[in-house]
Amino acid sequence: MIKLLMHGCNGKMGQTITRLVKEEDEAVMAAGVDRYTELANDYPVFESIEKCDVDVDVIIDFSNAGAVDGLLEYCGKKQVPVVLCTTGLSEEQLEKVKEVSKKTAVLKSANMSLGINVLLKLLQDAAKTLAPAGYDVEIVEKHHNQKVDAPSGTALALADSINEAMDHAYEYTYDRSQVRQKRKKNEIGLSAVRGGTIVGEHEVIFAGEDEVIEFKHTAYSKTVFGKGAVEAAKFLAGKPAGLYDMSDVIG
């Protein structure tokens, strides 16, 4: 049985993952870390990772950027694998992630959804066939009205996946209203929509002459990200030191 620690256990995603792990046959939630400790859990909760005295196999992190430094230091020192789901990390923190991955297994991904990561692979195959045939590539992403970054990190990851397959031949265009010129062939357009409570919707369009091919992923709840994180933790248990991502999980 894989023993997990939920870093950020009393947040929305922490509680979602706690519920998902209860349904698991291969894993159990052995401990949690959260500054807010008043919420009742079936496992011990510590105010900080430094105070945790429970031995675990893998840590899942859904906290905030301010808590990641201490977590990385702990994981490097104890050599505990970690699934790092917190976004908005600084360049300095990303460098620290690379350093820690030399000591223990670290899995970091722009999006934890299994579906999105399958889509990333499919897009590379599609791009290799459609882009040389002259198909234009556009990405439209939709999120709730509280999301502050645009385009989303996932939209950029989708664009990067296509660009990687095409040896980085594309430029990115974010706002055509400022350009006011004919669309270039070597560009990927990224458009962002913000409204209501949309969890996340990403559509990739390959538009050719008299033909359009669309790839679309819709997240109806944040549970999809929690499920991906649990699968990633199960994958990471017992893995050697190194930097992993969700492509390793689905591969």
C-alpha atoms as a PDB file:
ATOM      1  CA  MET A   1       0.000   0.000   0.000  1.00  0.00           C
ATOM      2  CA  ILE A   2       1.425   3.389  -1.031  1.00  0.00           C
ATOM      3  CA  LYS A   3       1.424   5.897   1.826  1.00  0.00           C
ATOM      4  CA  LEU A   4       0.667   9.461   0.686  1.00  0.00           C
ATOM      5  CA  LEU A   5       1.013  12.872   2.290  1.00  0.00           C
ATOM      6  CA  MET A   6      -1.292  15.663   1.099  1.00  0.00           C
ATOM      7  CA  HIS A   7       0.501  19.023   1.206  1.00  0.00           C
ATOM      8  CA  GLY A   8      -2.329  21.577   1.312  1.00  0.00           C
ATOM      9  CA  CYS A   9      -4.791  18.981   2.585  1.00  0.00           C
ATOM     10  CA  ASN A  10      -7.518  21.360   3.763  1.00  0.00           C
ATOM     11  CA  GLY A  11      -7.812  23.310   0.540  1.00  0.00           C
ATOM     12  CA  LYS A  12     -10.412  22.438  -2.112  1.00  0.00           C
ATOM     13  CA  MET A  13      -8.057  20.265  -4.128  1.00  0.00           C
ATOM     14  CA  GLY A  14      -6.590  18.722  -0.985  1.00  0.00           C
ATOM     15  CA  GLN A  15     -10.030  17.616   0.149  1.00  0.00           C
ATOM     16  CA  THR A  16     -10.899  16.382  -3.339  1.00  0.00           C
ATOM     17  CA  ILE A  17      -7.771  14.232  -3.442  1.00  0.00           C
ATOM     18  CA  THR A  18      -8.431  12.982   0.104  1.00  0.00           C
ATOM     19  CA  ARG A  19     -11.852  11.768  -1.062  1.00  0.00           C
ATOM     20  CA  LEU A  20     -10.401  10.130  -4.182  1.00  0.00           C
ATOM     21  CA  VAL A  21      -7.716   8.284  -2.204  1.00  0.00           C
ATOM     22  CA  LYS A  22     -10.393   6.790   0.057  1.00  0.00           C
ATOM     23  CA  GLU A  23     -11.655   4.935  -3.012  1.00  0.00           C
ATOM     24  CA  GLU A  24      -8.171   3.646  -3.900  1.00  0.00           C
ATOM     25  CA  ASP A  25      -7.032   0.048  -3.434  1.00  0.00           C
ATOM     26  CA  GLU A  26      -3.347   0.857  -3.949  1.00  0.00           C
ATOM     27  CA  ALA A  27      -2.886   3.986  -1.829  1.00  0.00           C
ATOM     28  CA  VAL A  28      -3.823   5.476   1.535  1.00  0.00           C
ATOM     29  CA  MET A  29      -3.599   9.038   2.865  1.00  0.00           C
ATOM     30  CA  ALA A  30      -1.206   8.741   5.819  1.00  0.00           C
ATOM     31  CA  ALA A  31      -0.762  12.430   6.721  1.00  0.00           C
ATOM     32  CA  GLY A  32      -1.510  15.976   5.687  1.00  0.00           C
ATOM     33  CA  VAL A  33       0.015  19.442   5.960  1.00  0.00           C
ATOM     34  CA  ASP A  34      -1.959  22.677   6.118  1.00  0.00           C
ATOM     35  CA  ARG A  35      -1.705  25.953   8.019  1.00  0.00           C
ATOM     36  CA  TYR A  36      -5.411  25.566   8.795  1.00  0.00           C
ATOM     37  CA  THR A  37      -5.735  22.534  11.064  1.00  0.00           C
ATOM     38  CA  GLU A  38      -9.316  22.868  12.343  1.00  0.00           C
ATOM     39  CA  LEU A  39     -10.827  20.680   9.622  1.00  0.00           C
ATOM     40  CA  ALA A  40     -11.377  17.064  10.688  1.00  0.00           C
ATOM     41  CA  ASN A  41      -9.520  14.426   8.654  1.00  0.00           C
ATOM     42  CA  ASP A  42      -8.966  10.684   8.973  1.00  0.00           C
ATOM     43  CA  TYR A  43      -5.213  11.267   9.187  1.00  0.00           C
ATOM     44  CA  PRO A  44      -2.903  13.500  11.269  1.00  0.00           C
ATOM     45  CA  VAL A  45      -2.468  17.057   9.972  1.00  0.00           C
ATOM     46  CA  PHE A  46       0.619  19.171  10.666  1.00  0.00           C
ATOM     47  CA  GLU A  47       0.952  22.960  10.428  1.00  0.00           C
ATOM     48  CA  SER A  48       4.140  22.686   8.371  1.00  0.00           C
ATOM     49  CA  ILE A  49       6.045  20.026   6.492  1.00  0.00           C
ATOM     50  CA  GLU A  50       8.959  20.404   8.921  1.00  0.00           C
ATOM     51  CA  LYS A  51       6.743  19.229  11.796  1.00  0.00           C
ATOM     52  CA  CYS A  52       5.574  16.077  10.018  1.00  0.00           C
ATOM     53  CA  ASP A  53       6.888  12.905  11.687  1.00  0.00           C
ATOM     54  CA  VAL A  54       4.998  10.374   9.553  1.00  0.00           C
ATOM     55  CA  ASP A  55       6.972   8.326   7.025  1.00  0.00           C
ATOM     56  CA  VAL A  56       5.350   8.412   3.576  1.00  0.00           C
ATOM     57  CA  ASP A  57       6.158   7.138   0.092  1.00  0.00           C
ATOM     58  CA  VAL A  58       5.006  10.138  -1.975  1.00  0.00           C
ATOM     59  CA  ILE A  59       3.858  13.705  -1.333  1.00  0.00           C
ATOM     60  CA  ILE A  60       1.125  15.360  -3.408  1.00  0.00           C
ATOM     61  CA  ASP A  61       1.319  19.149  -3.350  1.00  0.00           C
ATOM     62  CA  PHE A  62      -1.633  21.437  -4.053  1.00  0.00           C
ATOM     63  CA  SER A  63      -0.730  24.435  -1.887  1.00  0.00           C
ATOM     64  CA  ASN A  64       0.673  27.839  -2.858  1.00  0.00           C
ATOM     65  CA  ALA A  65       3.959  29.138  -4.207  1.00  0.00           C
ATOM     66  CA  GLY A  66       4.969  30.508  -0.788  1.00  0.00           C
ATOM     67  CA  ALA A  67       4.932  27.009   0.723  1.00  0.00           C
ATOM     68  CA  VAL A  68       6.887  25.293  -2.037  1.00  0.00           C
ATOM     69  CA  ASP A  69      10.392  26.308  -0.913  1.00  0.00           C
ATOM     70  CA  GLY A  70      10.053  24.508   2.419  1.00  0.00           C
ATOM     71  CA  LEU A  71       8.485  21.506   0.705  1.00  0.00           C
ATOM     72  CA  LEU A  72      11.327  21.190  -1.807  1.00  0.00           C
ATOM     73  CA  GLU A  73      13.926  21.476   0.931  1.00  0.00           C
ATOM     74  CA  TYR A  74      12.154  18.725   2.907  1.00  0.00           C
ATOM     75  CA  CYS A  75      11.831  16.407  -0.108  1.00  0.00           C
ATOM     76  CA  GLY A  76      15.480  16.871  -1.045  1.00  0.00           C
ATOM     77  CA  LYS A  77      16.672  16.231   2.489  1.00  0.00           C
ATOM     78  CA  LYS A  78      14.406  13.226   3.151  1.00  0.00           C
ATOM     79  CA  GLN A  79      14.529  11.996  -0.469  1.00  0.00           C
ATOM     80  CA  VAL A  80      10.745  11.730  -0.634  1.00  0.00           C
ATOM     81  CA  PRO A  81       9.190  11.794  -4.133  1.00  0.00           C
ATOM     82  CA  VAL A  82       6.759  14.647  -4.762  1.00  0.00           C
ATOM     83  CA  VAL A  83       3.979  15.388  -7.259  1.00  0.00           C
ATOM     84  CA  LEU A  84       4.213  19.156  -7.576  1.00  0.00           C
ATOM     85  CA  CYS A  85       0.857  20.613  -8.664  1.00  0.00           C
ATOM     86  CA  THR A  86       1.207  24.186  -7.359  1.00  0.00           C
ATOM     87  CA  THR A  87       1.403  26.765 -10.161  1.00  0.00           C
ATOM     88  CA  GLY A  88       2.851  30.264 -10.371  1.00  0.00           C
ATOM     89  CA  LEU A  89       6.369  29.276  -9.309  1.00  0.00           C
ATOM     90  CA  SER A  90       9.182  31.778  -9.829  1.00  0.00           C
ATOM     91  CA  GLU A  91      12.187  31.112 -12.061  1.00  0.00           C
ATOM     92  CA  GLU A  92      14.257  30.664  -8.914  1.00  0.00           C
ATOM     93  CA  GLN A  93      11.823  28.046  -7.604  1.00  0.00           C
ATOM     94  CA  LEU A  94      11.808  26.216 -10.930  1.00  0.00           C
ATOM     95  CA  GLU A  95      15.591  26.019 -10.736  1.00  0.00           C
ATOM     96  CA  LYS A  96      15.231  24.611  -7.238  1.00  0.00           C
ATOM     97  CA  VAL A  97      12.840  21.973  -8.601  1.00  0.00           C
ATOM     98  CA  LYS A  98      15.577  20.842 -11.008  1.00  0.00           C
ATOM     99  CA  GLU A  99      18.137  20.692  -8.208  1.00  0.00           C
ATOM    100  CA  VAL A 100      15.853  18.645  -5.941  1.00  0.00           C
ATOM    101  CA  SER A 101      15.078  16.244  -8.806  1.00  0.00           C
ATOM    102  CA  LYS A 102      18.746  15.204  -8.680  1.00  0.00           C
ATOM    103  CA  LYS A 103      18.111  13.860  -5.160  1.00  0.00           C
ATOM    104  CA  THR A 104      14.584  12.442  -5.448  1.00  0.00           C
ATOM    105  CA  ALA A 105      11.783  11.906  -7.971  1.00  0.00           C
ATOM    106  CA  VAL A 106       9.820  15.071  -8.803  1.00  0.00           C
ATOM    107  CA  LEU A 107       6.802  15.143 -11.112  1.00  0.00           C
ATOM    108  CA  LYS A 108       5.639  18.519 -12.381  1.00  0.00           C
ATOM    109  CA  SER A 109       3.125  19.195 -15.137  1.00  0.00           C
ATOM    110  CA  ALA A 110       1.284  22.226 -16.517  1.00  0.00           C
ATOM    111  CA  ASN A 111      -1.987  20.306 -16.204  1.00  0.00           C
ATOM    112  CA  MET A 112      -2.651  17.181 -14.140  1.00  0.00           C
ATOM    113  CA  SER A 113      -5.627  15.989 -16.195  1.00  0.00           C
ATOM    114  CA  LEU A 114      -5.050  12.621 -17.838  1.00  0.00           C
ATOM    115  CA  GLY A 115      -7.244  13.724 -20.749  1.00  0.00           C
ATOM    116  CA  ILE A 116      -5.230  16.884 -21.433  1.00  0.00           C
ATOM    117  CA  ASN A 117      -1.998  14.933 -21.413  1.00  0.00           C
ATOM    118  CA  VAL A 118      -3.361  12.397 -23.888  1.00  0.00           C
ATOM    119  CA  LEU A 119      -4.413  15.389 -26.021  1.00  0.00           C
ATOM    120  CA  LEU A 120      -0.847  16.743 -25.930  1.00  0.00           C
ATOM    121  CA  LYS A 121       0.364  13.513 -27.534  1.00  0.00           C
ATOM    122  CA  LEU A 122      -2.413  13.447 -30.141  1.00  0.00           C
ATOM    123  CA  LEU A 123      -1.691  17.034 -31.178  1.00  0.00           C
ATOM    124  CA  GLN A 124       1.910  16.233 -31.985  1.00  0.00           C
ATOM    125  CA  ASP A 125       0.839  13.475 -34.373  1.00  0.00           C
ATOM    126  CA  ALA A 126      -1.800  15.707 -35.950  1.00  0.00           C
ATOM    127  CA  ALA A 127       0.602  18.619 -36.383  1.00  0.00           C
ATOM    128  CA  LYS A 128       3.180  16.498 -38.188  1.00  0.00           C
ATOM    129  CA  THR A 129       0.590  15.663 -40.840  1.00  0.00           C
ATOM    130  CA  LEU A 130      -1.575  18.780 -41.016  1.00  0.00           C
ATOM    131  CA  ALA A 131       0.891  21.650 -40.539  1.00  0.00           C
ATOM    132  CA  PRO A 132       3.068  20.777 -43.570  1.00  0.00           C
ATOM    133  CA  ALA A 133      -0.155  20.597 -45.609  1.00  0.00           C
ATOM    134  CA  GLY A 134      -0.829  24.266 -44.852  1.00  0.00           C
ATOM    135  CA  TYR A 135      -3.404  24.001 -42.060  1.00  0.00           C
ATOM    136  CA  ASP A 136      -3.586  27.036 -39.763  1.00  0.00           C
ATOM    137  CA  VAL A 137      -3.503  26.380 -36.013  1.00  0.00           C
ATOM    138  CA  GLU A 138      -5.658  28.253 -33.498  1.00  0.00           C
ATOM    139  CA  ILE A 139      -6.232  27.606 -29.785  1.00  0.00           C
ATOM    140  CA  VAL A 140      -9.251  28.899 -27.848  1.00  0.00           C
ATOM    141  CA  GLU A 141      -9.370  28.462 -24.067  1.00  0.00           C
ATOM    142  CA  LYS A 142     -12.229  29.265 -21.690  1.00  0.00           C
ATOM    143  CA  HIS A 143     -12.110  29.640 -17.902  1.00  0.00           C
ATOM    144  CA  HIS A 144     -14.092  31.120 -15.007  1.00  0.00           C
ATOM    145  CA  ASN A 145     -14.214  34.850 -14.398  1.00  0.00           C
ATOM    146  CA  GLN A 146     -11.816  34.665 -11.440  1.00  0.00           C
ATOM    147  CA  LYS A 147      -8.829  33.381 -13.431  1.00  0.00           C
ATOM    148  CA  VAL A 148      -6.222  36.120 -13.731  1.00  0.00           C
ATOM    149  CA  ASP A 149      -3.677  34.730 -16.214  1.00  0.00           C
ATOM    150  CA  ALA A 150      -4.374  34.602 -19.935  1.00  0.00           C
ATOM    151  CA  PRO A 151      -3.747  32.582 -21.949  1.00  0.00           C
ATOM    152  CA  SER A 152      -3.860  29.675 -19.538  1.00  0.00           C
ATOM    153  CA  GLY A 153      -0.787  27.603 -18.801  1.00  0.00           C
ATOM    154  CA  THR A 154      -2.524  24.637 -20.398  1.00  0.00           C
ATOM    155  CA  ALA A 155      -3.174  26.572 -23.625  1.00  0.00           C
ATOM    156  CA  LEU A 156       0.511  27.448 -23.763  1.00  0.00           C
ATOM    157  CA  ALA A 157       1.413  23.804 -23.106  1.00  0.00           C
ATOM    158  CA  LEU A 158      -0.803  22.758 -26.034  1.00  0.00           C
ATOM    159  CA  ALA A 159       0.874  25.325 -28.285  1.00  0.00           C
ATOM    160  CA  ASP A 160       4.322  24.242 -27.096  1.00  0.00           C
ATOM    161  CA  SER A 161       3.495  20.600 -27.816  1.00  0.00           C
ATOM    162  CA  ILE A 162       2.590  21.440 -31.415  1.00  0.00           C
ATOM    163  CA  ASN A 163       5.610  23.698 -31.787  1.00  0.00           C
ATOM    164  CA  GLU A 164       7.932  21.022 -30.462  1.00  0.00           C
ATOM    165  CA  ALA A 165       6.624  18.558 -33.039  1.00  0.00           C
ATOM    166  CA  MET A 166       7.348  21.140 -35.761  1.00  0.00           C
ATOM    167  CA  ASP A 167      10.895  21.964 -34.577  1.00  0.00           C
ATOM    168  CA  HIS A 168       9.745  25.272 -33.058  1.00  0.00           C
ATOM    169  CA  ALA A 169       8.716  26.782 -36.399  1.00  0.00           C
ATOM    170  CA  TYR A 170       5.750  28.736 -34.991  1.00  0.00           C
ATOM    171  CA  GLU A 171       5.344  32.172 -33.442  1.00  0.00           C
ATOM    172  CA  TYR A 172       2.528  32.853 -30.956  1.00  0.00           C
ATOM    173  CA  THR A 173      -0.063  35.584 -31.492  1.00  0.00           C
ATOM    174  CA  TYR A 174      -2.141  36.634 -28.472  1.00  0.00           C
ATOM    175  CA  ASP A 175      -4.022  39.727 -29.632  1.00  0.00           C
ATOM    176  CA  ARG A 176      -4.713  40.335 -33.310  1.00  0.00           C
ATOM    177  CA  SER A 177      -6.493  43.611 -32.601  1.00  0.00           C
ATOM    178  CA  GLN A 178      -3.076  45.155 -32.004  1.00  0.00           C
ATOM    179  CA  VAL A 179      -1.460  43.621 -35.089  1.00  0.00           C
ATOM    180  CA  ARG A 180      -4.016  44.388 -37.807  1.00  0.00           C
ATOM    181  CA  GLN A 181      -2.411  42.434 -40.579  1.00  0.00           C
ATOM    182  CA  LYS A 182      -3.004  39.290 -42.583  1.00  0.00           C
ATOM    183  CA  ARG A 183      -2.470  36.071 -40.662  1.00  0.00           C
ATOM    184  CA  LYS A 184       1.013  34.633 -41.110  1.00  0.00           C
ATOM    185  CA  LYS A 185       1.453  30.960 -41.935  1.00  0.00           C
ATOM    186  CA  ASN A 186       3.950  30.275 -39.157  1.00  0.00           C
ATOM    187  CA  GLU A 187       1.826  31.360 -36.220  1.00  0.00           C
ATOM    188  CA  ILE A 188      -0.398  29.810 -33.594  1.00  0.00           C
ATOM    189  CA  GLY A 189      -3.191  32.107 -32.425  1.00  0.00           C
ATOM    190  CA  LEU A 190      -4.208  31.871 -28.760  1.00  0.00           C
ATOM    191  CA  SER A 191      -7.513  33.344 -27.593  1.00  0.00           C
ATOM    192  CA  ALA A 192      -8.830  33.529 -24.023  1.00  0.00           C
ATOM    193  CA  VAL A 193     -12.445  33.681 -22.808  1.00  0.00           C
ATOM    194  CA  ARG A 194     -13.303  34.459 -19.169  1.00  0.00           C
ATOM    195  CA  GLY A 195     -16.792  34.044 -17.771  1.00  0.00           C
ATOM    196  CA  GLY A 196     -19.045  32.432 -15.199  1.00  0.00           C
ATOM    197  CA  THR A 197     -17.824  29.292 -13.497  1.00  0.00           C
ATOM    198  CA  ILE A 198     -16.218  27.526 -16.461  1.00  0.00           C
ATOM    199  CA  VAL A 199     -13.713  25.077 -14.958  1.00  0.00           C
ATOM    200  CA  GLY A 200     -11.646  24.740 -18.102  1.00  0.00           C
ATOM    201  CA  GLU A 201     -12.206  24.241 -21.814  1.00  0.00           C
ATOM    202  CA  HIS A 202      -9.502  24.025 -24.470  1.00  0.00           C
ATOM    203  CA  GLU A 203     -10.092  23.749 -28.204  1.00  0.00           C
ATOM    204  CA  VAL A 204      -7.365  23.304 -30.809  1.00  0.00           C
ATOM    205  CA  ILE A 205      -8.360  24.050 -34.386  1.00  0.00           C
ATOM    206  CA  PHE A 206      -6.520  22.939 -37.519  1.00  0.00           C
ATOM    207  CA  ALA A 207      -8.123  24.978 -40.321  1.00  0.00           C
ATOM    208  CA  GLY A 208      -7.311  24.051 -43.904  1.00  0.00           C
ATOM    209  CA  GLU A 209      -8.896  24.749 -47.266  1.00  0.00           C
ATOM    210  CA  ASP A 210     -12.528  23.578 -47.080  1.00  0.00           C
ATOM    211  CA  GLU A 211     -11.773  21.463 -44.001  1.00  0.00           C
ATOM    212  CA  VAL A 212     -11.523  21.992 -40.229  1.00  0.00           C
ATOM    213  CA  ILE A 213     -10.319  19.472 -37.655  1.00  0.00           C
ATOM    214  CA  GLU A 214     -10.996  20.247 -33.986  1.00  0.00           C
ATOM    215  CA  PHE A 215      -9.589  18.728 -30.805  1.00  0.00           C
ATOM    216  CA  LYS A 216     -11.437  19.676 -27.623  1.00  0.00           C
ATOM    217  CA  HIS A 217     -11.110  18.955 -23.917  1.00  0.00           C
ATOM    218  CA  THR A 218     -13.656  20.077 -21.308  1.00  0.00           C
ATOM    219  CA  ALA A 219     -13.183  19.794 -17.553  1.00  0.00           C
ATOM    220  CA  TYR A 220     -16.546  19.775 -15.752  1.00  0.00           C
ATOM    221  CA  SER A 221     -15.001  19.815 -12.279  1.00  0.00           C
ATOM    222  CA  LYS A 222     -11.583  20.022 -10.643  1.00  0.00           C
ATOM    223  CA  THR A 223     -11.861  16.328  -9.801  1.00  0.00           C
ATOM    224  CA  VAL A 224     -10.102  15.523 -13.097  1.00  0.00           C
ATOM    225  CA  PHE A 225      -6.967  17.267 -11.813  1.00  0.00           C
ATOM    226  CA  GLY A 226      -7.156  15.396  -8.515  1.00  0.00           C
ATOM    227  CA  LYS A 227      -7.527  12.046 -10.270  1.00  0.00           C
ATOM    228  CA  GLY A 228      -4.486  12.807 -12.386  1.00  0.00           C
ATOM    229  CA  ALA A 229      -2.486  13.749  -9.293  1.00  0.00           C
ATOM    230  CA  VAL A 230      -3.354  10.458  -7.583  1.00  0.00           C
ATOM    231  CA  GLU A 231      -2.360   8.461 -10.661  1.00  0.00           C
ATOM    232  CA  ALA A 232       0.888  10.449 -10.819  1.00  0.00           C
ATOM    233  CA  ALA A 233       1.625   9.651  -7.157  1.00  0.00           C
ATOM    234  CA  LYS A 234       1.066   5.938  -7.736  1.00  0.00           C
ATOM    235  CA  PHE A 235       3.393   6.107 -10.727  1.00  0.00           C
ATOM    236  CA  LEU A 236       6.098   8.016  -8.824  1.00  0.00           C
ATOM    237  CA  ALA A 237       6.295   5.640  -5.847  1.00  0.00           C
ATOM    238  CA  GLY A 238       9.641   3.863  -5.913  1.00  0.00           C
ATOM    239  CA  LYS A 239      10.940   5.743  -8.960  1.00  0.00           C
ATOM    240  CA  PRO A 240      14.585   6.856  -9.023  1.00  0.00           C
ATOM    241  CA  ALA A 241      15.573  10.516  -8.726  1.00  0.00           C
ATOM    242  CA  GLY A 242      14.722  12.605 -11.761  1.00  0.00           C
ATOM    243  CA  LEU A 243      12.299  15.118 -13.218  1.00  0.00           C
ATOM    244  CA  TYR A 244       9.079  13.561 -14.525  1.00  0.00           C
ATOM    245  CA  ASP A 245       5.855  14.866 -16.050  1.00  0.00           C
ATOM    246  CA  MET A 246       2.434  13.486 -16.942  1.00  0.00           C
ATOM    247  CA  SER A 247       3.643  12.182 -20.278  1.00  0.00           C
ATOM    248  CA  ASP A 248       5.616   9.598 -18.277  1.00  0.00           C
ATOM    249  CA  VAL A 249       2.441   8.573 -16.442  1.00  0.00           C
ATOM    250  CA  ILE A 250       0.333   8.025 -19.543  1.00  0.00           C
ATOM    251  CA  GLY A 251       3.236   6.646 -21.563  1.00  0.00           C
END
